[in-house]
PDB file of N, CA and C in Angstrom:
ATOM      1  N   MET A   1     172.975  86.910 -16.205  1.00  0.00           N
ATOM      2  CA  MET A   1     173.323  85.689 -17.945  1.00  0.00           C
ATOM      3  C   MET A   1     172.241  85.899 -18.693  1.00  0.00           C
ATOM      4  N   LYS A   2     171.066  86.071 -18.031  1.00  0.00           N
ATOM      5  CA  LYS A   2     169.878  85.884 -18.983  1.00  0.00           C
ATOM      6  C   LYS A   2     169.722  87.320 -19.359  1.00  0.00           C
ATOM      7  N   HIS A   3     169.769  88.027 -18.068  1.00  0.00           N
ATOM      8  CA  HIS A   3     169.399  89.257 -18.540  1.00  0.00           C
ATOM      9  C   HIS A   3     170.571  89.803 -19.479  1.00  0.00           C
ATOM     10  N   ALA A   4     171.694  89.583 -19.597  1.00  0.00           N
ATOM     11  CA  ALA A   4     172.182  89.947 -20.648  1.00  0.00           C
ATOM     12  C   ALA A   4     172.603  89.481 -22.482  1.00  0.00           C
ATOM     13  N   LYS A   5     171.695  88.419 -22.280  1.00  0.00           N
ATOM     14  CA  LYS A   5     171.273  87.759 -23.726  1.00  0.00           C
ATOM     15  C   LYS A   5     169.983  88.698 -23.936  1.00  0.00           C
ATOM     16  N   LYS A   6     168.769  88.774 -23.188  1.00  0.00           N
ATOM     17  CA  LYS A   6     168.201  89.538 -23.839  1.00  0.00           C
ATOM     18  C   LYS A   6     168.040  90.882 -23.890  1.00  0.00           C
ATOM     19  N   ILE A   7     169.293  91.688 -23.344  1.00  0.00           N
ATOM     20  CA  ILE A   7     169.362  93.189 -23.470  1.00  0.00           C
ATOM     21  C   ILE A   7     170.308  93.037 -24.495  1.00  0.00           C
ATOM     22  N   PHE A   8     170.966  91.892 -25.412  1.00  0.00           N
ATOM     23  CA  PHE A   8     171.906  91.844 -26.553  1.00  0.00           C
ATOM     24  C   PHE A   8     171.152  91.650 -27.853  1.00  0.00           C
ATOM     25  N   LEU A   9     170.006  90.826 -27.262  1.00  0.00           N
ATOM     26  CA  LEU A   9     168.803  90.945 -28.268  1.00  0.00           C
ATOM     27  C   LEU A   9     168.075  91.706 -28.676  1.00  0.00           C
ATOM     28  N   VAL A  10     167.840  92.819 -27.644  1.00  0.00           N
ATOM     29  CA  VAL A  10     167.471  94.204 -28.164  1.00  0.00           C
ATOM     30  C   VAL A  10     167.790  95.062 -29.393  1.00  0.00           C
ATOM     31  N   LEU A  11     168.896  94.737 -28.453  1.00  0.00           N
ATOM     32  CA  LEU A  11     170.042  96.173 -29.181  1.00  0.00           C
ATOM     33  C   LEU A  11     170.340  95.503 -30.470  1.00  0.00           C
ATOM     34  N   PHE A  12     170.382  94.526 -30.622  1.00  0.00           N
ATOM     35  CA  PHE A  12     170.623  93.779 -32.285  1.00  0.00           C
ATOM     36  C   PHE A  12     169.687  94.115 -32.923  1.00  0.00           C
ATOM     37  N   LEU A  13     168.458  93.635 -32.432  1.00  0.00           N
ATOM     38  CA  LEU A  13     166.976  93.689 -33.714  1.00  0.00           C
ATOM     39  C   LEU A  13     166.669  95.263 -33.627  1.00  0.00           C
ATOM     40  N   THR A  14     167.412  96.082 -32.394  1.00  0.00           N
ATOM     41  CA  THR A  14     166.985  97.603 -32.487  1.00  0.00           C
ATOM     42  C   THR A  14     167.850  97.736 -34.130  1.00  0.00           C
ATOM     43  N   ILE A  15     168.987  97.404 -33.484  1.00  0.00           N
ATOM     44  CA  ILE A  15     170.154  98.051 -35.006  1.00  0.00           C
ATOM     45  C   ILE A  15     170.057  97.176 -36.112  1.00  0.00           C
ATOM     46  N   SER A  16     169.580  95.969 -36.052  1.00  0.00           N
ATOM     47  CA  SER A  16     169.642  95.311 -37.430  1.00  0.00           C
ATOM     48  C   SER A  16     168.209  96.136 -38.367  1.00  0.00           C
ATOM     49  N   SER A  17     167.509  96.186 -37.606  1.00  0.00           N
ATOM     50  CA  SER A  17     166.112  96.872 -38.117  1.00  0.00           C
ATOM     51  C   SER A  17     166.457  98.384 -39.110  1.00  0.00           C
ATOM     52  N   LYS A  18     167.148  99.033 -38.117  1.00  0.00           N
ATOM     53  CA  LYS A  18     167.472 100.451 -38.637  1.00  0.00           C
ATOM     54  C   LYS A  18     167.616  99.937 -39.948  1.00  0.00           C
ATOM     55  N   LEU A  19     169.452  99.372 -40.078  1.00  0.00           N
ATOM     56  CA  LEU A  19     169.814  99.046 -41.481  1.00  0.00           C
ATOM     57  C   LEU A  19     169.657  98.210 -42.231  1.00  0.00           C
ATOM     58  N   LEU A  20     168.718  97.107 -41.859  1.00  0.00           N
ATOM     59  CA  LEU A  20     168.115  96.427 -43.215  1.00  0.00           C
ATOM     60  C   LEU A  20     166.534  97.342 -43.404  1.00  0.00           C
ATOM     61  N   LEU A  21     165.859  98.082 -42.800  1.00  0.00           N
ATOM     62  CA  LEU A  21     164.323  98.556 -43.517  1.00  0.00           C
ATOM     63  C   LEU A  21     165.131 100.358 -44.319  1.00  0.00           C
ATOM     64  N   ALA A  22     164.341  99.823 -45.326  1.00  0.00           N
ATOM     65  CA  ALA A  22     164.629 101.231 -46.168  1.00  0.00           C
ATOM     66  C   ALA A  22     163.587 102.001 -46.460  1.00  0.00           C
ATOM     67  N   GLY A  23     163.639 103.221 -45.976  1.00  0.00           N
ATOM     68  CA  GLY A  23     162.148 104.169 -46.543  1.00  0.00           C
ATOM     69  C   GLY A  23     162.064 104.643 -48.159  1.00  0.00           C
ATOM     70  N   GLU A  24     160.345 104.476 -48.631  1.00  0.00           N
ATOM     71  CA  GLU A  24     160.563 104.938 -49.867  1.00  0.00           C
ATOM     72  C   GLU A  24     161.285 106.423 -50.288  1.00  0.00           C
ATOM     73  N   ALA A  25     162.214 107.339 -49.949  1.00  0.00           N
ATOM     74  CA  ALA A  25     162.970 107.837 -50.060  1.00  0.00           C
ATOM     75  C   ALA A  25     164.224 107.519 -50.634  1.00  0.00           C
ATOM     76  N   ASP A  26     164.528 106.197 -50.041  1.00  0.00           N
ATOM     77  CA  ASP A  26     165.810 105.680 -50.466  1.00  0.00           C
ATOM     78  C   ASP A  26     165.429 104.504 -52.232  1.00  0.00           C
ATOM     79  N   LEU A  27     164.654 104.776 -52.794  1.00  0.00           N
ATOM     80  CA  LEU A  27     164.019 104.097 -53.959  1.00  0.00           C
ATOM     81  C   LEU A  27     164.441 104.566 -54.796  1.00  0.00           C
ATOM     82  N   VAL A  28     165.424 104.273 -55.814  1.00  0.00           N
ATOM     83  CA  VAL A  28     165.613 104.855 -56.999  1.00  0.00           C
ATOM     84  C   VAL A  28     165.212 104.420 -58.369  1.00  0.00           C
ATOM     85  N   LEU A  29     164.516 105.591 -58.701  1.00  0.00           N
ATOM     86  CA  LEU A  29     163.443 105.339 -59.611  1.00  0.00           C
ATOM     87  C   LEU A  29     164.135 105.541 -61.158  1.00  0.00           C
ATOM     88  N   PRO A  30     163.952 104.502 -62.289  1.00  0.00           N
ATOM     89  CA  PRO A  30     164.844 105.111 -63.517  1.00  0.00           C
ATOM     90  C   PRO A  30     163.630 106.496 -63.964  1.00  0.00           C
ATOM     91  N   ASP A  31     164.332 106.783 -65.261  1.00  0.00           N
ATOM     92  CA  ASP A  31     163.756 107.919 -66.237  1.00  0.00           C
ATOM     93  C   ASP A  31     162.438 106.773 -66.742  1.00  0.00           C
ATOM     94  N   LEU A  32     161.607 107.422 -66.349  1.00  0.00           N
ATOM     95  CA  LEU A  32     160.144 106.494 -67.351  1.00  0.00           C
ATOM     96  C   LEU A  32     160.193 106.486 -69.132  1.00  0.00           C
ATOM     97  N   ASN A  33     160.701 107.886 -69.714  1.00  0.00           N
ATOM     98  CA  ASN A  33     161.264 108.163 -70.754  1.00  0.00           C
ATOM     99  C   ASN A  33     162.216 107.271 -71.363  1.00  0.00           C
ATOM    100  N   SER A  34     162.956 106.682 -70.750  1.00  0.00           N
ATOM    101  CA  SER A  34     164.060 105.411 -70.870  1.00  0.00           C
ATOM    102  C   SER A  34     164.101 103.942 -70.856  1.00  0.00           C
ATOM    103  N   VAL A  35     162.517 104.227 -70.273  1.00  0.00           N
ATOM    104  CA  VAL A  35     162.166 102.601 -70.257  1.00  0.00           C
ATOM    105  C   VAL A  35     161.351 101.904 -71.256  1.00  0.00           C
ATOM    106  N   VAL A  36     161.551 101.249 -71.945  1.00  0.00           N
ATOM    107  CA  VAL A  36     160.686 100.682 -72.997  1.00  0.00           C
ATOM    108  C   VAL A  36     159.670  99.259 -72.441  1.00  0.00           C
ATOM    109  N   PHE A  37     158.561  98.886 -72.142  1.00  0.00           N
ATOM    110  CA  PHE A  37     158.150  96.992 -71.681  1.00  0.00           C
ATOM    111  C   PHE A  37     157.028  97.117 -73.482  1.00  0.00           C
ATOM    112  N   HIS A  38     157.758  95.794 -73.891  1.00  0.00           N
ATOM    113  CA  HIS A  38     156.603  95.875 -74.929  1.00  0.00           C
ATOM    114  C   HIS A  38     156.356  96.567 -75.742  1.00  0.00           C
ATOM    115  N   GLY A  39     157.604  97.838 -76.529  1.00  0.00           N
ATOM    116  CA  GLY A  39     157.281  98.754 -77.322  1.00  0.00           C
ATOM    117  C   GLY A  39     156.343  99.872 -76.564  1.00  0.00           C
ATOM    118  N   ILE A  40     155.797  99.914 -75.719  1.00  0.00           N
ATOM    119  CA  ILE A  40     155.519 101.287 -74.733  1.00  0.00           C
ATOM    120  C   ILE A  40     156.213 101.909 -74.011  1.00  0.00           C
ATOM    121  N   ASN A  41     156.321 103.225 -74.266  1.00  0.00           N
ATOM    122  CA  ASN A  41     157.212 103.796 -73.104  1.00  0.00           C
ATOM    123  C   ASN A  41     156.773 103.801 -72.063  1.00  0.00           C
ATOM    124  N   GLY A  42     157.435 104.081 -70.576  1.00  0.00           N
ATOM    125  CA  GLY A  42     157.187 103.638 -69.455  1.00  0.00           C
ATOM    126  C   GLY A  42     156.611 105.204 -68.682  1.00  0.00           C
ATOM    127  N   ARG A  43     156.520 106.024 -69.601  1.00  0.00           N
ATOM    128  CA  ARG A  43     155.504 107.043 -69.018  1.00  0.00           C
ATOM    129  C   ARG A  43     154.148 106.974 -69.627  1.00  0.00           C
ATOM    130  N   ALA A  44     154.194 106.601 -71.133  1.00  0.00           N
ATOM    131  CA  ALA A  44     152.739 106.195 -71.659  1.00  0.00           C
ATOM    132  C   ALA A  44     152.327 105.195 -71.035  1.00  0.00           C
ATOM    133  N   LEU A  45     152.967 104.391 -70.342  1.00  0.00           N
ATOM    134  CA  LEU A  45     152.208 103.338 -69.650  1.00  0.00           C
ATOM    135  C   LEU A  45     151.824 103.801 -67.925  1.00  0.00           C
ATOM    136  N   LEU A  46     152.510 104.550 -67.864  1.00  0.00           N
ATOM    137  CA  LEU A  46     152.252 105.090 -66.667  1.00  0.00           C
ATOM    138  C   LEU A  46     150.968 105.706 -66.646  1.00  0.00           C
ATOM    139  N   ILE A  47     150.676 106.579 -67.041  1.00  0.00           N
ATOM    140  CA  ILE A  47     149.214 107.585 -68.019  1.00  0.00           C
ATOM    141  C   ILE A  47     148.043 106.215 -68.434  1.00  0.00           C
ATOM    142  N   GLY A  48     148.747 105.834 -68.859  1.00  0.00           N
ATOM    143  CA  GLY A  48     147.791 104.949 -69.072  1.00  0.00           C
ATOM    144  C   GLY A  48     146.875 103.935 -67.841  1.00  0.00           C
ATOM    145  N   GLY A  49     147.754 103.424 -67.129  1.00  0.00           N
ATOM    146  CA  GLY A  49     147.297 102.853 -65.916  1.00  0.00           C
ATOM    147  C   GLY A  49     146.398 103.829 -64.952  1.00  0.00           C
ATOM    148  N   LEU A  50     146.899 104.802 -64.949  1.00  0.00           N
ATOM    149  CA  LEU A  50     146.435 105.964 -63.801  1.00  0.00           C
ATOM    150  C   LEU A  50     144.948 106.417 -64.698  1.00  0.00           C
ATOM    151  N   LEU A  51     144.995 106.689 -66.105  1.00  0.00           N
ATOM    152  CA  LEU A  51     143.448 106.655 -67.052  1.00  0.00           C
ATOM    153  C   LEU A  51     142.623 105.695 -66.825  1.00  0.00           C
ATOM    154  N   LEU A  52     142.670 104.599 -66.535  1.00  0.00           N
ATOM    155  CA  LEU A  52     142.468 103.027 -66.706  1.00  0.00           C
ATOM    156  C   LEU A  52     141.560 103.532 -64.807  1.00  0.00           C
ATOM    157  N   CYS A  53     142.582 103.748 -64.018  1.00  0.00           N
ATOM    158  CA  CYS A  53     142.135 103.519 -62.619  1.00  0.00           C
ATOM    159  C   CYS A  53     141.297 104.751 -62.745  1.00  0.00           C
ATOM    160  N   VAL A  54     141.202 105.835 -63.325  1.00  0.00           N
ATOM    161  CA  VAL A  54     140.200 107.059 -63.273  1.00  0.00           C
ATOM    162  C   VAL A  54     139.007 106.854 -63.639  1.00  0.00           C
ATOM    163  N   ALA A  55     138.728 105.626 -65.032  1.00  0.00           N
ATOM    164  CA  ALA A  55     137.586 105.143 -65.413  1.00  0.00           C
ATOM    165  C   ALA A  55     136.910 103.762 -64.546  1.00  0.00           C
ATOM    166  N   GLY A  56     137.754 103.353 -64.056  1.00  0.00           N
ATOM    167  CA  GLY A  56     137.339 102.629 -63.085  1.00  0.00           C
ATOM    168  C   GLY A  56     136.369 103.245 -62.071  1.00  0.00           C
ATOM    169  N   MET A  57     137.144 103.896 -61.729  1.00  0.00           N
ATOM    170  CA  MET A  57     136.395 104.930 -60.735  1.00  0.00           C
ATOM    171  C   MET A  57     135.259 105.585 -61.099  1.00  0.00           C
ATOM    172  N   LEU A  58     135.382 105.967 -62.075  1.00  0.00           N
ATOM    173  CA  LEU A  58     134.046 106.856 -62.398  1.00  0.00           C
ATOM    174  C   LEU A  58     133.106 105.808 -62.849  1.00  0.00           C
ATOM    175  N   PHE A  59     133.242 104.571 -63.308  1.00  0.00           N
ATOM    176  CA  PHE A  59     132.408 103.840 -63.231  1.00  0.00           C
ATOM    177  C   PHE A  59     131.493 103.208 -62.006  1.00  0.00           C
ATOM    178  N   GLY A  60     132.616 103.071 -61.232  1.00  0.00           N
ATOM    179  CA  GLY A  60     131.987 102.692 -59.635  1.00  0.00           C
ATOM    180  C   GLY A  60     131.115 103.800 -59.097  1.00  0.00           C
ATOM    181  N   LEU A  61     131.142 104.850 -59.616  1.00  0.00           N
ATOM    182  CA  LEU A  61     130.563 106.445 -58.851  1.00  0.00           C
ATOM    183  C   LEU A  61     129.180 106.141 -59.850  1.00  0.00           C
ATOM    184  N   PHE A  62     129.444 105.759 -61.251  1.00  0.00           N
ATOM    185  CA  PHE A  62     128.120 105.722 -61.861  1.00  0.00           C
ATOM    186  C   PHE A  62     127.014 104.503 -61.475  1.00  0.00           C
ATOM    187  N   GLN A  63     127.198 103.526 -60.996  1.00  0.00           N
ATOM    188  CA  GLN A  63     127.000 101.930 -60.922  1.00  0.00           C
ATOM    189  C   GLN A  63     126.748 102.454 -59.291  1.00  0.00           C
ATOM    190  N   TYR A  64     126.875 103.040 -58.772  1.00  0.00           N
ATOM    191  CA  TYR A  64     126.750 103.491 -57.173  1.00  0.00           C
ATOM    192  C   TYR A  64     125.667 104.452 -57.278  1.00  0.00           C
ATOM    193  N   LEU A  65     125.427 105.411 -58.214  1.00  0.00           N
ATOM    194  CA  LEU A  65     124.462 106.419 -57.825  1.00  0.00           C
ATOM    195  C   LEU A  65     123.092 105.913 -58.534  1.00  0.00           C
ATOM    196  N   GLN A  66     123.359 104.767 -59.858  1.00  0.00           N
ATOM    197  CA  GLN A  66     122.284 104.269 -60.478  1.00  0.00           C
ATOM    198  C   GLN A  66     121.481 103.373 -59.145  1.00  0.00           C
ATOM    199  N   ILE A  67     122.261 102.508 -58.371  1.00  0.00           N
ATOM    200  CA  ILE A  67     121.760 101.734 -57.525  1.00  0.00           C
ATOM    201  C   ILE A  67     121.048 102.536 -56.471  1.00  0.00           C
ATOM    202  N   LYS A  68     121.647 103.658 -55.441  1.00  0.00           N
ATOM    203  CA  LYS A  68     120.915 104.360 -54.766  1.00  0.00           C
ATOM    204  C   LYS A  68     119.598 104.906 -55.225  1.00  0.00           C
ATOM    205  N   LYS A  69     119.330 105.178 -56.609  1.00  0.00           N
ATOM    206  CA  LYS A  69     118.166 105.623 -56.892  1.00  0.00           C
ATOM    207  C   LYS A  69     116.929 104.819 -56.579  1.00  0.00           C
ATOM    208  N   ILE A  70     117.633 103.071 -56.526  1.00  0.00           N
ATOM    209  CA  ILE A  70     116.419 102.192 -56.839  1.00  0.00           C
ATOM    210  C   ILE A  70     115.821 102.178 -55.517  1.00  0.00           C
ATOM    211  N   LYS A  71     114.338 102.259 -55.887  1.00  0.00           N
ATOM    212  CA  LYS A  71     113.274 102.088 -54.582  1.00  0.00           C
ATOM    213  C   LYS A  71     113.349 100.338 -53.759  1.00  0.00           C
ATOM    214  N   ILE A  72     113.591 100.516 -52.398  1.00  0.00           N
ATOM    215  CA  ILE A  72     114.001  99.339 -51.974  1.00  0.00           C
ATOM    216  C   ILE A  72     112.795  99.909 -50.555  1.00  0.00           C
ATOM    217  N   HIS A  73     112.463  97.852 -50.271  1.00  0.00           N
ATOM    218  CA  HIS A  73     111.212  98.133 -49.155  1.00  0.00           C
ATOM    219  C   HIS A  73     112.467  98.760 -47.723  1.00  0.00           C
ATOM    220  N   SER A  74     111.402  99.196 -46.865  1.00  0.00           N
ATOM    221  CA  SER A  74     111.830  99.965 -45.896  1.00  0.00           C
ATOM    222  C   SER A  74     112.461  98.889 -44.680  1.00  0.00           C
ATOM    223  N   SER A  75     111.979  97.940 -44.658  1.00  0.00           N
ATOM    224  CA  SER A  75     112.660  97.117 -43.842  1.00  0.00           C
ATOM    225  C   SER A  75     114.151  96.479 -44.383  1.00  0.00           C
ATOM    226  N   MET A  76     114.469  96.265 -45.690  1.00  0.00           N
ATOM    227  CA  MET A  76     115.201  96.294 -46.139  1.00  0.00           C
ATOM    228  C   MET A  76     116.557  97.684 -46.185  1.00  0.00           C
ATOM    229  N   GLY A  77     115.766  98.522 -46.225  1.00  0.00           N
ATOM    230  CA  GLY A  77     116.521  99.903 -45.906  1.00  0.00           C
ATOM    231  C   GLY A  77     117.232 100.317 -44.525  1.00  0.00           C
ATOM    232  N   ASP A  78     116.273  99.397 -43.689  1.00  0.00           N
ATOM    233  CA  ASP A  78     116.577  99.358 -42.249  1.00  0.00           C
ATOM    234  C   ASP A  78     117.535  99.264 -41.747  1.00  0.00           C
ATOM    235  N   VAL A  79     117.947  97.589 -42.676  1.00  0.00           N
ATOM    236  CA  VAL A  79     118.897  96.678 -42.370  1.00  0.00           C
ATOM    237  C   VAL A  79     120.425  97.037 -42.873  1.00  0.00           C
ATOM    238  N   SER A  80     120.581  98.273 -44.051  1.00  0.00           N
ATOM    239  CA  SER A  80     121.279  98.164 -44.900  1.00  0.00           C
ATOM    240  C   SER A  80     121.899  99.449 -44.370  1.00  0.00           C
ATOM    241  N   GLU A  81     121.468 100.126 -42.764  1.00  0.00           N
ATOM    242  CA  GLU A  81     121.923 101.300 -42.131  1.00  0.00           C
ATOM    243  C   GLU A  81     122.568 100.830 -40.986  1.00  0.00           C
TER     244      GLU A  81
END
């Protein structure tokens, strides 16, 4: 009886997980041109967000390059690497 409960539990969890989990391919996305958020077209909002991400990456790269140029004490350099 103990083994039957364990087998049933394993089968139930296996089957239910397949039914409950959906992949990214199952998502239905609306047409971005038809969506408006506070008066901004969905596609324009997406492009604006992507540009903001690129600007943040460029800022981070610029800061990294500036910090890398700074002379440091040799013992601090040994600790950081």
